[in-house]
Amino acid sequence: MDGDRTRTEEFKLEGGKVLDKIKELIHQGNIRRITLKNEEGKTLIEIPLTLGLVGAALLPVFAAVGAIAAVVTRMTLVVEKTEP
């Protein structure tokens, strides 16, 4: 991993679209951390993603994100990616 650099992207999404976006990003495979923030910028949940975290191991993460999305209408999804 020497020489890898980290890049951050932000997505402003409606609550109902957050879970689909997270699944899409995890599928890309180069995500290190996902942070969900409310409209005021307060962190609601921070999800560190390690190599090999797939399938059933992600179910609790999806459940937590789904619960947050049910009560928060708009949020910012901050994605930390690694790039070689």
Protein backbone atom coordinates (compact mmCIF):
# COMPACT_ATOMS: atom_id res chain seq x y z
CA MET A 1 0.00 0.00 0.00
CA ASP A 2 2.98 2.31 -0.12
CA GLY A 3 2.25 5.17 -2.45
CA ASP A 4 -1.52 4.90 -2.02
CA ARG A 5 -3.29 8.18 -1.47
CA THR A 6 -6.63 8.98 0.07
CA ARG A 7 -9.30 11.02 -1.65
CA THR A 8 -12.58 12.26 -0.19
CA GLU A 9 -15.86 12.71 -2.06
CA GLU A 10 -19.13 14.14 -0.77
CA PHE A 11 -22.63 13.36 -1.96
CA LYS A 12 -25.71 15.26 -0.80
CA LEU A 13 -28.61 12.81 -0.88
CA GLU A 14 -32.21 12.36 0.18
CA GLY A 15 -32.56 9.80 2.99
CA GLY A 16 -34.22 7.20 0.75
CA LYS A 17 -31.29 7.15 -1.70
CA VAL A 18 -28.47 6.79 0.82
CA LEU A 19 -28.55 3.01 1.22
CA ASP A 20 -28.47 2.40 -2.55
CA LYS A 21 -25.53 4.80 -2.93
CA ILE A 22 -23.61 3.09 -0.11
CA LYS A 23 -24.15 -0.33 -1.68
CA GLU A 24 -22.95 1.03 -5.03
CA LEU A 25 -19.82 2.54 -3.44
CA ILE A 26 -18.95 -0.61 -1.48
CA HIS A 27 -19.27 -2.62 -4.69
CA GLN A 28 -16.48 -0.45 -6.18
CA GLY A 29 -14.16 -1.89 -3.55
CA ASN A 30 -11.74 0.98 -2.90
CA ILE A 31 -13.69 2.62 -0.05
CA ARG A 32 -11.94 2.97 3.32
CA ARG A 33 -14.53 4.89 5.29
CA ILE A 34 -18.07 6.21 4.88
CA THR A 35 -19.43 8.97 7.09
CA LEU A 36 -23.05 10.11 7.18
CA LYS A 37 -23.70 13.68 8.29
CA ASN A 38 -26.92 15.60 8.80
CA GLU A 39 -27.68 18.94 7.12
CA GLU A 40 -25.88 20.81 9.92
CA GLY A 41 -22.71 18.80 9.32
CA LYS A 42 -22.98 16.69 12.49
CA THR A 43 -21.68 13.14 12.06
CA LEU A 44 -24.47 10.59 12.47
CA ILE A 45 -22.49 7.41 11.80
CA GLU A 46 -18.97 6.59 10.68
CA ILE A 47 -18.39 3.26 8.96
CA PRO A 48 -14.80 2.04 8.61
CA LEU A 49 -14.55 -0.53 5.83
CA THR A 50 -11.79 -3.09 5.87
CA LEU A 51 -10.67 -5.38 3.09
CA GLY A 52 -12.81 -8.46 2.88
CA LEU A 53 -15.86 -6.94 4.56
CA VAL A 54 -18.62 -8.37 2.36
CA GLY A 55 -21.99 -10.08 2.38
CA ALA A 56 -23.51 -10.88 5.75
CA ALA A 57 -20.87 -8.82 7.58
CA LEU A 58 -22.43 -5.69 6.04
CA LEU A 59 -26.02 -6.43 7.14
CA PRO A 60 -25.71 -4.56 10.47
CA VAL A 61 -24.24 -1.59 8.61
CA PHE A 62 -27.12 -1.56 6.14
CA ALA A 63 -29.64 -1.85 8.99
CA ALA A 64 -28.10 1.12 10.83
CA VAL A 65 -28.00 3.26 7.68
CA GLY A 66 -31.60 2.31 6.89
CA ALA A 67 -32.72 3.38 10.37
CA ILE A 68 -30.95 6.73 10.07
CA ALA A 69 -32.31 7.30 6.56
CA ALA A 70 -35.83 6.71 7.87
CA VAL A 71 -35.64 9.71 10.21
CA VAL A 72 -33.25 12.07 8.41
CA THR A 73 -34.56 13.52 5.15
CA ARG A 74 -31.35 14.98 3.76
CA MET A 75 -27.80 14.05 4.55
CA THR A 76 -24.26 14.25 3.26
CA LEU A 77 -22.39 11.06 2.49
CA VAL A 78 -18.62 11.53 2.87
CA VAL A 79 -16.61 8.78 1.20
CA GLU A 80 -12.90 8.22 1.81
CA LYS A 81 -11.29 6.28 -1.05
CA THR A 82 -7.80 4.94 -1.55
CA GLU A 83 -6.13 5.25 -4.92
CA PRO A 84 -2.79 3.78 -5.98
